[in-house]
């Protein structure tokens, strides 16, 4: 059975189709203007998740003193 549509119904469908196409285009748009912004956002999200730990400072003097103490203990035995 053929459905007859009025001009107003066809125009309303076209307007709805255009609006849907615009929303779809916005949904596919990238939130970042460059890859640098994207990478910065990825790193920020990973830091917030605790993936990157802060770098610990090495203490060479402490390690050297501990090595000397262990060497002295070993030589005394």
C-alpha atoms as a PDB file:
ATOM      1  CA  UNK A   1       0.000   0.000   0.000  1.00  0.00           C
ATOM      2  CA  UNK A   2       1.352   3.424  -0.935  1.00  0.00           C
ATOM      3  CA  UNK A   3       1.411   6.121   1.702  1.00  0.00           C
ATOM      4  CA  UNK A   4       0.790   9.610   0.488  1.00  0.00           C
ATOM      5  CA  UNK A   5       2.715  12.357   2.222  1.00  0.00           C
ATOM      6  CA  UNK A   6       2.060  16.021   2.226  1.00  0.00           C
ATOM      7  CA  UNK A   7       4.655  18.633   1.338  1.00  0.00           C
ATOM      8  CA  UNK A   8       4.814  19.724   4.981  1.00  0.00           C
ATOM      9  CA  UNK A   9       5.627  16.171   6.105  1.00  0.00           C
ATOM     10  CA  UNK A  10       8.410  15.855   3.524  1.00  0.00           C
ATOM     11  CA  UNK A  11       9.856  19.248   4.513  1.00  0.00           C
ATOM     12  CA  UNK A  12       9.708  18.299   8.201  1.00  0.00           C
ATOM     13  CA  UNK A  13      11.567  15.083   7.431  1.00  0.00           C
ATOM     14  CA  UNK A  14      14.227  16.996   5.505  1.00  0.00           C
ATOM     15  CA  UNK A  15      14.710  19.447   8.371  1.00  0.00           C
ATOM     16  CA  UNK A  16      15.030  16.546  10.814  1.00  0.00           C
ATOM     17  CA  UNK A  17      17.509  14.827   8.497  1.00  0.00           C
ATOM     18  CA  UNK A  18      19.652  17.967   8.241  1.00  0.00           C
ATOM     19  CA  UNK A  19      19.631  18.405  12.019  1.00  0.00           C
ATOM     20  CA  UNK A  20      20.671  14.774  12.498  1.00  0.00           C
ATOM     21  CA  UNK A  21      23.493  15.180   9.985  1.00  0.00           C
ATOM     22  CA  UNK A  22      24.780  18.277  11.812  1.00  0.00           C
ATOM     23  CA  UNK A  23      24.695  16.478  15.173  1.00  0.00           C
ATOM     24  CA  UNK A  24      26.526  13.517  13.659  1.00  0.00           C
ATOM     25  CA  UNK A  25      29.175  15.843  12.251  1.00  0.00           C
ATOM     26  CA  UNK A  26      29.692  17.413  15.660  1.00  0.00           C
ATOM     27  CA  UNK A  27      29.945  14.006  17.289  1.00  0.00           C
ATOM     28  CA  UNK A  28      32.711  12.996  14.892  1.00  0.00           C
ATOM     29  CA  UNK A  29      34.700  16.201  15.398  1.00  0.00           C
ATOM     30  CA  UNK A  30      37.917  15.941  17.352  1.00  0.00           C
ATOM     31  CA  UNK A  31      38.060  17.688  20.705  1.00  0.00           C
ATOM     32  CA  UNK A  32      41.731  18.563  20.256  1.00  0.00           C
ATOM     33  CA  UNK A  33      43.123  21.020  17.723  1.00  0.00           C
ATOM     34  CA  UNK A  34      46.496  19.283  17.462  1.00  0.00           C
ATOM     35  CA  UNK A  35      48.210  16.037  18.326  1.00  0.00           C
ATOM     36  CA  UNK A  36      50.210  17.841  21.031  1.00  0.00           C
ATOM     37  CA  UNK A  37      47.006  18.681  22.894  1.00  0.00           C
ATOM     38  CA  UNK A  38      45.859  15.072  22.558  1.00  0.00           C
ATOM     39  CA  UNK A  39      49.153  13.703  23.917  1.00  0.00           C
ATOM     40  CA  UNK A  40      49.079  16.177  26.816  1.00  0.00           C
ATOM     41  CA  UNK A  41      45.543  15.071  27.678  1.00  0.00           C
ATOM     42  CA  UNK A  42      46.551  11.400  27.547  1.00  0.00           C
ATOM     43  CA  UNK A  43      49.524  11.993  29.855  1.00  0.00           C
ATOM     44  CA  UNK A  44      47.379  14.042  32.242  1.00  0.00           C
ATOM     45  CA  UNK A  45      44.786  11.266  32.410  1.00  0.00           C
ATOM     46  CA  UNK A  46      47.459   8.632  33.033  1.00  0.00           C
ATOM     47  CA  UNK A  47      49.040  10.707  35.792  1.00  0.00           C
ATOM     48  CA  UNK A  48      45.625  11.123  37.407  1.00  0.00           C
ATOM     49  CA  UNK A  49      45.219   7.349  37.276  1.00  0.00           C
ATOM     50  CA  UNK A  50      48.588   6.933  39.052  1.00  0.00           C
ATOM     51  CA  UNK A  51      50.427   5.385  36.136  1.00  0.00           C
ATOM     52  CA  UNK A  52      53.479   7.625  36.430  1.00  0.00           C
ATOM     53  CA  UNK A  53      55.166   7.705  39.813  1.00  0.00           C
ATOM     54  CA  UNK A  54      57.268  10.684  40.823  1.00  0.00           C
ATOM     55  CA  UNK A  55      60.967  10.182  40.190  1.00  0.00           C
ATOM     56  CA  UNK A  56      62.885   9.486  43.373  1.00  0.00           C
ATOM     57  CA  UNK A  57      66.103  11.365  43.908  1.00  0.00           C
ATOM     58  CA  UNK A  58      69.116   9.165  44.324  1.00  0.00           C
ATOM     59  CA  UNK A  59      71.340   9.726  47.281  1.00  0.00           C
ATOM     60  CA  UNK A  60      74.873   8.710  46.263  1.00  0.00           C
ATOM     61  CA  UNK A  61      76.402   9.638  49.620  1.00  0.00           C
ATOM     62  CA  UNK A  62      74.020   7.363  51.495  1.00  0.00           C
ATOM     63  CA  UNK A  63      74.702   4.466  49.108  1.00  0.00           C
ATOM     64  CA  UNK A  64      78.463   5.013  49.372  1.00  0.00           C
ATOM     65  CA  UNK A  65      78.421   5.042  53.177  1.00  0.00           C
ATOM     66  CA  UNK A  66      76.289   1.891  53.239  1.00  0.00           C
ATOM     67  CA  UNK A  67      78.726   0.173  50.859  1.00  0.00           C
ATOM     68  CA  UNK A  68      81.704   1.118  53.040  1.00  0.00           C
ATOM     69  CA  UNK A  69      79.975  -0.178  56.172  1.00  0.00           C
ATOM     70  CA  UNK A  70      79.126  -3.480  54.494  1.00  0.00           C
ATOM     71  CA  UNK A  71      82.697  -3.803  53.171  1.00  0.00           C
ATOM     72  CA  UNK A  72      84.111  -3.118  56.652  1.00  0.00           C
ATOM     73  CA  UNK A  73      81.798  -5.722  58.215  1.00  0.00           C
ATOM     74  CA  UNK A  74      82.802  -8.261  55.539  1.00  0.00           C
ATOM     75  CA  UNK A  75      86.532  -7.642  56.129  1.00  0.00           C
ATOM     76  CA  UNK A  76      86.154  -8.044  59.900  1.00  0.00           C
ATOM     77  CA  UNK A  77      84.729 -11.535  59.575  1.00  0.00           C
END
